[in-house]
Amino acid sequence: MRVFVMVGAILGLTGALIGLLLGVTIILNLGDIENALRSVGIEIFPPDVYGLDGLPAELNWGEAIFTTLWAMSMSVLVTLWPAWSAAKMDPVEALRFE
C-alpha cells in the first residue's frame, strides 16, 4: 500500500509543481504571449467583440500556493482507495487473470 501511495504522491507533487510553474510563467508573460500571437495573426479575444484591449490577469501568490497544495492533497487522497484495494489483493490471484 505504501508503494502505491508514494507513487501517487510523487505524481501529484510533480503535476502540481509543473502546473504552478506553467501558470506563473504564463501569467507573468501574458502581454508578451498576446503580442506574439497577434504578430502571427491569431487574435484570442478580439477587442471589438469583448471590449478588452488585453487580458486582465493578476498573480495572487496565496491562491497559487493554496491551489498547488490542494492539488497535491487531492492526489494523495484519491490514491488511498486504489492503494488500499491493491493491498488487500493476493498478488498471485491478481496476476493470474492479467
Protein backbone atom coordinates (compact mmCIF):
# COMPACT_ATOMS: atom_id res chain seq x y z
CA MET A 1 0.00 0.00 0.00
CA ARG A 2 2.88 2.33 0.85
CA VAL A 3 4.34 1.99 -2.66
CA PHE A 4 1.06 2.97 -4.34
CA VAL A 5 0.55 5.96 -2.05
CA MET A 6 4.13 7.13 -2.57
CA VAL A 7 3.85 6.84 -6.36
CA GLY A 8 0.56 8.75 -6.26
CA ALA A 9 2.11 11.42 -4.05
CA ILE A 10 5.13 11.78 -6.33
CA LEU A 11 2.92 12.06 -9.42
CA GLY A 12 0.66 14.56 -7.67
CA LEU A 13 3.62 16.61 -6.47
CA THR A 14 5.17 16.61 -9.94
CA GLY A 15 1.91 17.58 -11.64
CA ALA A 16 1.12 20.31 -9.14
CA LEU A 17 4.59 21.85 -9.38
CA ILE A 18 4.57 21.73 -13.19
CA GLY A 19 1.12 23.35 -13.15
CA LEU A 20 2.32 26.04 -10.76
CA LEU A 21 5.40 26.73 -12.88
CA LEU A 22 3.43 26.92 -16.13
CA GLY A 23 0.66 29.02 -14.61
CA VAL A 24 3.02 31.56 -13.05
CA THR A 25 5.10 31.74 -16.23
CA ILE A 26 2.03 32.36 -18.38
CA ILE A 27 0.57 34.99 -16.03
CA LEU A 28 3.85 36.88 -15.73
CA ASN A 29 4.36 36.87 -19.52
CA LEU A 30 0.76 37.23 -20.68
CA GLY A 31 1.31 40.51 -22.52
CA ASP A 32 4.26 39.10 -24.44
CA ILE A 33 2.29 35.95 -25.30
CA GLU A 34 -0.65 38.04 -26.58
CA ASN A 35 1.69 40.19 -28.68
CA ALA A 36 3.41 37.13 -30.13
CA LEU A 37 0.07 35.58 -31.08
CA ARG A 38 -1.12 38.84 -32.63
CA SER A 39 2.08 39.07 -34.70
CA VAL A 40 1.28 35.73 -36.37
CA GLY A 41 -2.35 36.72 -36.98
CA ILE A 42 -4.05 34.97 -34.06
CA GLU A 43 -6.47 37.11 -32.06
CA ILE A 44 -7.68 35.25 -28.97
CA PHE A 45 -10.16 37.83 -27.70
CA PRO A 46 -10.97 40.36 -30.43
CA PRO A 47 -11.41 43.85 -28.86
CA ASP A 48 -14.48 44.64 -31.00
CA VAL A 49 -16.28 41.58 -29.62
CA TYR A 50 -15.14 41.51 -25.98
CA GLY A 51 -14.34 45.18 -25.39
CA LEU A 52 -10.92 44.36 -23.94
CA ASP A 53 -7.59 45.65 -25.17
CA GLY A 54 -5.83 42.82 -23.28
CA LEU A 55 -6.49 40.02 -20.85
CA PRO A 56 -6.69 41.22 -17.26
CA ALA A 57 -4.51 38.95 -15.15
CA GLU A 58 -3.07 39.33 -11.70
CA LEU A 59 -0.88 36.84 -9.88
CA ASN A 60 -2.01 36.14 -6.34
CA TRP A 61 0.69 34.04 -4.69
CA GLY A 62 -1.61 32.98 -1.84
CA GLU A 63 -4.13 31.48 -4.25
CA ALA A 64 -1.39 29.88 -6.34
CA ILE A 65 0.17 28.18 -3.31
CA PHE A 66 -3.24 27.13 -1.95
CA THR A 67 -4.22 25.62 -5.29
CA THR A 68 -0.91 23.77 -5.56
CA LEU A 69 -1.24 22.36 -2.03
CA TRP A 70 -4.87 21.42 -2.69
CA ALA A 71 -3.91 19.56 -5.89
CA MET A 72 -1.16 17.69 -4.06
CA SER A 73 -3.51 16.79 -1.20
CA MET A 74 -6.22 15.56 -3.54
CA SER A 75 -3.76 13.41 -5.48
CA VAL A 76 -2.70 11.68 -2.28
CA LEU A 77 -6.30 11.33 -1.13
CA VAL A 78 -7.54 9.75 -4.36
CA THR A 79 -4.57 7.38 -4.28
CA LEU A 80 -5.60 5.88 -0.94
CA TRP A 81 -8.62 3.89 -2.18
CA PRO A 82 -6.83 2.09 -5.05
CA ALA A 83 -3.79 1.50 -2.82
CA TRP A 84 -5.96 0.01 -0.11
CA SER A 85 -7.77 -2.18 -2.65
CA ALA A 86 -4.49 -3.36 -4.18
CA ALA A 87 -3.01 -4.09 -0.75
CA LYS A 88 -5.93 -6.42 0.05
CA MET A 89 -5.42 -8.47 -3.13
CA ASP A 90 -3.39 -11.66 -3.29
CA PRO A 91 -0.64 -10.99 -5.87
CA VAL A 92 -0.85 -14.50 -7.31
CA GLU A 93 -4.61 -14.24 -7.84
CA ALA A 94 -4.35 -10.71 -9.26
CA LEU A 95 -1.69 -11.71 -11.79
CA ARG A 96 -3.41 -14.96 -12.78
CA PHE A 97 -6.18 -13.13 -14.63
CA GLU A 98 -4.00 -10.49 -16.31
